[in-house]
Structure formats: structure tokens, C-alpha cells
Amino acid sequence: MRYQFLIDGGMSDRVNAAFPDMQVAPTTGGCTSLHGPVADYLAMRSIMARLDSLGLTIAELRRLPD
């Protein structure tokens, strides 16, 4: 499965490095798109925990078509 996390604000290179399997792209409206494969529920929780530990806010989460 593939998911997109819309992160409020921008992400530094250091933060981008914390998600090597994900693609990062700026979006209109001041958010950053973090998207890519998420293997299962445990992987989803791991990504969300990393985002939280980095102090980032998830503005939106959506499942992408495969």
C-alpha cells in the first residue's frame, strides 16, 4: 500500500533523511508531501512516531491508489 502524509510546513534535509523510503515534495498551501510505500500497520505507526518525535504535524493522511 502507498500513503501520503501532508506535513504542515517544510522539512529540512535532516528530517528528509529520517524517511529514506519515502519521497518528499513541497505542495501548494505551505505543506510538504511525504509519500511512498507503507508495508503494514506497524510501519504506519513507525512513520507516525518518527514524525511526532521530530515535532512535525500531520495535516492530512490519505491512502494512494496502487
PDB file of N, CA and C in Angstrom:
ATOM      1  N   MET A   1       0.831  -1.173   0.000  1.00  0.00           N
ATOM      2  CA  MET A   1       0.000   0.000   0.000  1.00  0.00           C
ATOM      3  C   MET A   1       0.881   1.244   0.000  1.00  0.00           C
ATOM      4  N   ARG A   2       0.351   2.287  -0.605  1.00  0.00           N
ATOM      5  CA  ARG A   2       1.056   3.565  -0.640  1.00  0.00           C
ATOM      6  C   ARG A   2       0.217   4.601   0.090  1.00  0.00           C
ATOM      7  N   TYR A   3       0.898   5.462   0.829  1.00  0.00           N
ATOM      8  CA  TYR A   3       0.222   6.514   1.586  1.00  0.00           C
ATOM      9  C   TYR A   3       0.900   7.848   1.352  1.00  0.00           C
ATOM     10  N   GLN A   4       0.119   8.906   1.564  1.00  0.00           N
ATOM     11  CA  GLN A   4       0.646  10.264   1.517  1.00  0.00           C
ATOM     12  C   GLN A   4       0.356  10.934   2.849  1.00  0.00           C
ATOM     13  N   PHE A   5       1.401  11.485   3.435  1.00  0.00           N
ATOM     14  CA  PHE A   5       1.294  12.275   4.654  1.00  0.00           C
ATOM     15  C   PHE A   5       1.504  13.723   4.243  1.00  0.00           C
ATOM     16  N   LEU A   6       0.540  14.586   4.503  1.00  0.00           N
ATOM     17  CA  LEU A   6       0.743  16.010   4.274  1.00  0.00           C
ATOM     18  C   LEU A   6       1.189  16.613   5.593  1.00  0.00           C
ATOM     19  N   ILE A   7       2.397  17.154   5.585  1.00  0.00           N
ATOM     20  CA  ILE A   7       3.027  17.701   6.775  1.00  0.00           C
ATOM     21  C   ILE A   7       2.878  19.217   6.747  1.00  0.00           C
ATOM     22  N   ASP A   8       2.453  19.767   7.863  1.00  0.00           N
ATOM     23  CA  ASP A   8       2.299  21.215   7.982  1.00  0.00           C
ATOM     24  C   ASP A   8       3.679  21.866   7.967  1.00  0.00           C
ATOM     25  N   GLY A   9       3.937  22.711   6.966  1.00  0.00           N
ATOM     26  CA  GLY A   9       5.219  23.392   6.860  1.00  0.00           C
ATOM     27  C   GLY A   9       6.219  22.622   6.015  1.00  0.00           C
ATOM     28  N   GLY A  10       7.463  23.027   6.114  1.00  0.00           N
ATOM     29  CA  GLY A  10       8.538  22.414   5.342  1.00  0.00           C
ATOM     30  C   GLY A  10       9.303  21.382   6.159  1.00  0.00           C
ATOM     31  N   MET A  11      10.192  20.675   5.475  1.00  0.00           N
ATOM     32  CA  MET A  11      11.024  19.665   6.128  1.00  0.00           C
ATOM     33  C   MET A  11      12.475  19.899   5.732  1.00  0.00           C
ATOM     34  N   SER A  12      13.367  19.852   6.708  1.00  0.00           N
ATOM     35  CA  SER A  12      14.799  20.047   6.445  1.00  0.00           C
ATOM     36  C   SER A  12      15.397  18.779   5.839  1.00  0.00           C
ATOM     37  N   ASP A  13      16.619  18.895   5.334  1.00  0.00           N
ATOM     38  CA  ASP A  13      17.326  17.731   4.783  1.00  0.00           C
ATOM     39  C   ASP A  13      17.522  16.655   5.855  1.00  0.00           C
ATOM     40  N   ARG A  14      17.772  17.078   7.089  1.00  0.00           N
ATOM     41  CA  ARG A  14      17.954  16.131   8.192  1.00  0.00           C
ATOM     42  C   ARG A  14      16.671  15.335   8.423  1.00  0.00           C
ATOM     43  N   VAL A  15      15.539  16.029   8.373  1.00  0.00           N
ATOM     44  CA  VAL A  15      14.254  15.347   8.558  1.00  0.00           C
ATOM     45  C   VAL A  15      13.975  14.434   7.368  1.00  0.00           C
ATOM     46  N   ASN A  16      14.251  14.893   6.166  1.00  0.00           N
ATOM     47  CA  ASN A  16      14.057  14.055   4.974  1.00  0.00           C
ATOM     48  C   ASN A  16      14.844  12.753   5.079  1.00  0.00           C
ATOM     49  N   ALA A  17      16.050  12.825   5.646  1.00  0.00           N
ATOM     50  CA  ALA A  17      16.901  11.640   5.787  1.00  0.00           C
ATOM     51  C   ALA A  17      16.296  10.603   6.733  1.00  0.00           C
ATOM     52  N   ALA A  18      15.382  11.020   7.579  1.00  0.00           N
ATOM     53  CA  ALA A  18      14.730  10.091   8.516  1.00  0.00           C
ATOM     54  C   ALA A  18      13.716   9.197   7.812  1.00  0.00           C
ATOM     55  N   PHE A  19      13.413   9.492   6.542  1.00  0.00           N
ATOM     56  CA  PHE A  19      12.418   8.730   5.787  1.00  0.00           C
ATOM     57  C   PHE A  19      13.001   8.326   4.430  1.00  0.00           C
ATOM     58  N   PRO A  20      14.012   7.454   4.420  1.00  0.00           N
ATOM     59  CA  PRO A  20      14.721   7.138   3.176  1.00  0.00           C
ATOM     60  C   PRO A  20      13.863   6.433   2.119  1.00  0.00           C
ATOM     61  N   ASP A  21      12.793   5.753   2.521  1.00  0.00           N
ATOM     62  CA  ASP A  21      11.953   5.031   1.566  1.00  0.00           C
ATOM     63  C   ASP A  21      10.797   5.870   1.037  1.00  0.00           C
ATOM     64  N   MET A  22      10.714   7.125   1.474  1.00  0.00           N
ATOM     65  CA  MET A  22       9.600   7.980   1.095  1.00  0.00           C
ATOM     66  C   MET A  22      10.090   9.116   0.200  1.00  0.00           C
ATOM     67  N   GLN A  23       9.201   9.622  -0.636  1.00  0.00           N
ATOM     68  CA  GLN A  23       9.516  10.774  -1.480  1.00  0.00           C
ATOM     69  C   GLN A  23       8.952  12.016  -0.813  1.00  0.00           C
ATOM     70  N   VAL A  24       9.675  13.107  -0.921  1.00  0.00           N
ATOM     71  CA  VAL A  24       9.282  14.364  -0.294  1.00  0.00           C
ATOM     72  C   VAL A  24       9.127  15.421  -1.383  1.00  0.00           C
ATOM     73  N   ALA A  25       8.019  16.172  -1.312  1.00  0.00           N
ATOM     74  CA  ALA A  25       7.789  17.233  -2.290  1.00  0.00           C
ATOM     75  C   ALA A  25       6.973  18.346  -1.641  1.00  0.00           C
ATOM     76  N   PRO A  26       7.320  19.602  -1.929  1.00  0.00           N
ATOM     77  CA  PRO A  26       6.508  20.711  -1.420  1.00  0.00           C
ATOM     78  C   PRO A  26       5.161  20.734  -2.141  1.00  0.00           C
ATOM     79  N   THR A  27       4.136  21.233  -1.473  1.00  0.00           N
ATOM     80  CA  THR A  27       2.815  21.365  -2.085  1.00  0.00           C
ATOM     81  C   THR A  27       2.368  22.818  -1.987  1.00  0.00           C
ATOM     82  N   THR A  28       1.318  23.145  -2.690  1.00  0.00           N
ATOM     83  CA  THR A  28       0.751  24.472  -2.542  1.00  0.00           C
ATOM     84  C   THR A  28       0.077  24.542  -1.177  1.00  0.00           C
ATOM     85  N   GLY A  29       0.031  25.703  -0.612  1.00  0.00           N
ATOM     86  CA  GLY A  29      -0.605  25.860   0.689  1.00  0.00           C
ATOM     87  C   GLY A  29       0.329  25.697   1.863  1.00  0.00           C
ATOM     88  N   GLY A  30       1.635  25.600   1.602  1.00  0.00           N
ATOM     89  CA  GLY A  30       2.606  25.560   2.693  1.00  0.00           C
ATOM     90  C   GLY A  30       2.809  24.221   3.356  1.00  0.00           C
ATOM     91  N   CYS A  31       2.326  23.152   2.753  1.00  0.00           N
ATOM     92  CA  CYS A  31       2.540  21.810   3.310  1.00  0.00           C
ATOM     93  C   CYS A  31       3.644  21.097   2.538  1.00  0.00           C
ATOM     94  N   THR A  32       4.093  19.996   3.073  1.00  0.00           N
ATOM     95  CA  THR A  32       5.055  19.122   2.414  1.00  0.00           C
ATOM     96  C   THR A  32       4.429  17.744   2.295  1.00  0.00           C
ATOM     97  N   SER A  33       4.529  17.149   1.108  1.00  0.00           N
ATOM     98  CA  SER A  33       4.004  15.802   0.866  1.00  0.00           C
ATOM     99  C   SER A  33       5.112  14.779   1.109  1.00  0.00           C
ATOM    100  N   LEU A  34       4.827  13.835   1.967  1.00  0.00           N
ATOM    101  CA  LEU A  34       5.708  12.699   2.227  1.00  0.00           C
ATOM    102  C   LEU A  34       4.920  11.479   1.788  1.00  0.00           C
ATOM    103  N   HIS A  35       5.378  10.801   0.714  1.00  0.00           N
ATOM    104  CA  HIS A  35       4.583   9.697   0.193  1.00  0.00           C
ATOM    105  C   HIS A  35       5.457   8.534  -0.250  1.00  0.00           C
ATOM    106  N   GLY A  36       4.842   7.349  -0.183  1.00  0.00           N
ATOM    107  CA  GLY A  36       5.554   6.153  -0.584  1.00  0.00           C
ATOM    108  C   GLY A  36       4.919   4.910   0.003  1.00  0.00           C
ATOM    109  N   PRO A  37       5.610   3.787  -0.116  1.00  0.00           N
ATOM    110  CA  PRO A  37       5.048   2.511   0.343  1.00  0.00           C
ATOM    111  C   PRO A  37       5.037   2.409   1.869  1.00  0.00           C
ATOM    112  N   VAL A  38       3.969   1.827   2.378  1.00  0.00           N
ATOM    113  CA  VAL A  38       3.841   1.526   3.805  1.00  0.00           C
ATOM    114  C   VAL A  38       3.407   0.071   3.886  1.00  0.00           C
ATOM    115  N   ALA A  39       4.267  -0.776   4.409  1.00  0.00           N
ATOM    116  CA  ALA A  39       4.054  -2.230   4.354  1.00  0.00           C
ATOM    117  C   ALA A  39       2.839  -2.701   5.150  1.00  0.00           C
ATOM    118  N   ASP A  40       2.651  -2.145   6.332  1.00  0.00           N
ATOM    119  CA  ASP A  40       1.577  -2.645   7.193  1.00  0.00           C
ATOM    120  C   ASP A  40       1.311  -1.639   8.312  1.00  0.00           C
ATOM    121  N   TYR A  41       0.434  -2.019   9.225  1.00  0.00           N
ATOM    122  CA  TYR A  41       0.049  -1.127  10.321  1.00  0.00           C
ATOM    123  C   TYR A  41       1.257  -0.743  11.179  1.00  0.00           C
ATOM    124  N   LEU A  42       2.138  -1.677  11.447  1.00  0.00           N
ATOM    125  CA  LEU A  42       3.318  -1.399  12.262  1.00  0.00           C
ATOM    126  C   LEU A  42       4.213  -0.353  11.581  1.00  0.00           C
ATOM    127  N   ALA A  43       4.389  -0.469  10.278  1.00  0.00           N
ATOM    128  CA  ALA A  43       5.183   0.516   9.532  1.00  0.00           C
ATOM    129  C   ALA A  43       4.523   1.895   9.579  1.00  0.00           C
ATOM    130  N   MET A  44       3.189   1.920   9.494  1.00  0.00           N
ATOM    131  CA  MET A  44       2.449   3.186   9.581  1.00  0.00           C
ATOM    132  C   MET A  44       2.682   3.840  10.938  1.00  0.00           C
ATOM    133  N   ARG A  45       2.587   3.064  12.001  1.00  0.00           N
ATOM    134  CA  ARG A  45       2.796   3.596  13.348  1.00  0.00           C
ATOM    135  C   ARG A  45       4.229   4.098  13.520  1.00  0.00           C
ATOM    136  N   SER A  46       5.183   3.407  12.916  1.00  0.00           N
ATOM    137  CA  SER A  46       6.584   3.810  12.998  1.00  0.00           C
ATOM    138  C   SER A  46       6.800   5.168  12.325  1.00  0.00           C
ATOM    139  N   ILE A  47       6.220   5.359  11.149  1.00  0.00           N
ATOM    140  CA  ILE A  47       6.335   6.641  10.448  1.00  0.00           C
ATOM    141  C   ILE A  47       5.698   7.743  11.282  1.00  0.00           C
ATOM    142  N   MET A  48       4.522   7.484  11.808  1.00  0.00           N
ATOM    143  CA  MET A  48       3.828   8.488  12.606  1.00  0.00           C
ATOM    144  C   MET A  48       4.610   8.828  13.874  1.00  0.00           C
ATOM    145  N   ALA A  49       5.237   7.841  14.490  1.00  0.00           N
ATOM    146  CA  ALA A  49       6.035   8.082  15.689  1.00  0.00           C
ATOM    147  C   ALA A  49       7.272   8.924  15.354  1.00  0.00           C
ATOM    148  N   ARG A  50       7.909   8.658  14.197  1.00  0.00           N
ATOM    149  CA  ARG A  50       9.070   9.462  13.793  1.00  0.00           C
ATOM    150  C   ARG A  50       8.668  10.908  13.529  1.00  0.00           C
ATOM    151  N   LEU A  51       7.522  11.084  12.857  1.00  0.00           N
ATOM    152  CA  LEU A  51       7.032  12.433  12.602  1.00  0.00           C
ATOM    153  C   LEU A  51       6.788  13.168  13.919  1.00  0.00           C
ATOM    154  N   ASP A  52       6.173  12.476  14.867  1.00  0.00           N
ATOM    155  CA  ASP A  52       5.891  13.071  16.171  1.00  0.00           C
ATOM    156  C   ASP A  52       7.180  13.419  16.912  1.00  0.00           C
ATOM    157  N   SER A  53       8.142  12.509  16.901  1.00  0.00           N
ATOM    158  CA  SER A  53       9.391  12.757  17.627  1.00  0.00           C
ATOM    159  C   SER A  53      10.185  13.912  17.017  1.00  0.00           C
ATOM    160  N   LEU A  54       9.953  14.191  15.735  1.00  0.00           N
ATOM    161  CA  LEU A  54      10.624  15.307  15.063  1.00  0.00           C
ATOM    162  C   LEU A  54       9.840  16.612  15.206  1.00  0.00           C
ATOM    163  N   GLY A  55       8.705  16.538  15.899  1.00  0.00           N
ATOM    164  CA  GLY A  55       7.910  17.733  16.140  1.00  0.00           C
ATOM    165  C   GLY A  55       7.099  18.194  14.943  1.00  0.00           C
ATOM    166  N   LEU A  56       6.826  17.279  13.999  1.00  0.00           N
ATOM    167  CA  LEU A  56       6.082  17.632  12.795  1.00  0.00           C
ATOM    168  C   LEU A  56       4.592  17.334  12.985  1.00  0.00           C
ATOM    169  N   THR A  57       3.758  18.149  12.342  1.00  0.00           N
ATOM    170  CA  THR A  57       2.316  17.994  12.440  1.00  0.00           C
ATOM    171  C   THR A  57       1.759  17.410  11.147  1.00  0.00           C
ATOM    172  N   ILE A  58       1.001  16.335  11.263  1.00  0.00           N
ATOM    173  CA  ILE A  58       0.341  15.738  10.104  1.00  0.00           C
ATOM    174  C   ILE A  58      -0.958  16.499   9.866  1.00  0.00           C
ATOM    175  N   ALA A  59      -1.035  17.184   8.723  1.00  0.00           N
ATOM    176  CA  ALA A  59      -2.238  17.929   8.377  1.00  0.00           C
ATOM    177  C   ALA A  59      -3.279  17.017   7.734  1.00  0.00           C
ATOM    178  N   GLU A  60      -2.799  15.987   7.023  1.00  0.00           N
ATOM    179  CA  GLU A  60      -3.706  15.070   6.338  1.00  0.00           C
ATOM    180  C   GLU A  60      -2.974  13.765   6.042  1.00  0.00           C
ATOM    181  N   LEU A  61      -3.717  12.682   6.033  1.00  0.00           N
ATOM    182  CA  LEU A  61      -3.177  11.361   5.706  1.00  0.00           C
ATOM    183  C   LEU A  61      -4.148  10.714   4.748  1.00  0.00           C
ATOM    184  N   ARG A  62      -3.627  10.191   3.640  1.00  0.00           N
ATOM    185  CA  ARG A  62      -4.515   9.512   2.694  1.00  0.00           C
ATOM    186  C   ARG A  62      -3.826   8.316   2.049  1.00  0.00           C
ATOM    187  N   ARG A  63      -4.633   7.318   1.744  1.00  0.00           N
ATOM    188  CA  ARG A  63      -4.133   6.147   1.025  1.00  0.00           C
ATOM    189  C   ARG A  63      -4.166   6.462  -0.458  1.00  0.00           C
ATOM    190  N   LEU A  64      -3.076   6.139  -1.141  1.00  0.00           N
ATOM    191  CA  LEU A  64      -2.960   6.378  -2.580  1.00  0.00           C
ATOM    192  C   LEU A  64      -3.272   5.099  -3.341  1.00  0.00           C
ATOM    193  N   PRO A  65      -3.772   5.238  -4.566  1.00  0.00           N
ATOM    194  CA  PRO A  65      -4.007   4.034  -5.383  1.00  0.00           C
ATOM    195  C   PRO A  65      -2.683   3.312  -5.670  1.00  0.00           C
ATOM    196  N   ASP A  66      -2.738   2.012  -5.720  1.00  0.00           N
ATOM    197  CA  ASP A  66      -1.530   1.216  -6.001  1.00  0.00           C
ATOM    198  C   ASP A  66      -1.155   1.253  -7.448  1.00  0.00           C
TER     199      ASP A  66
END
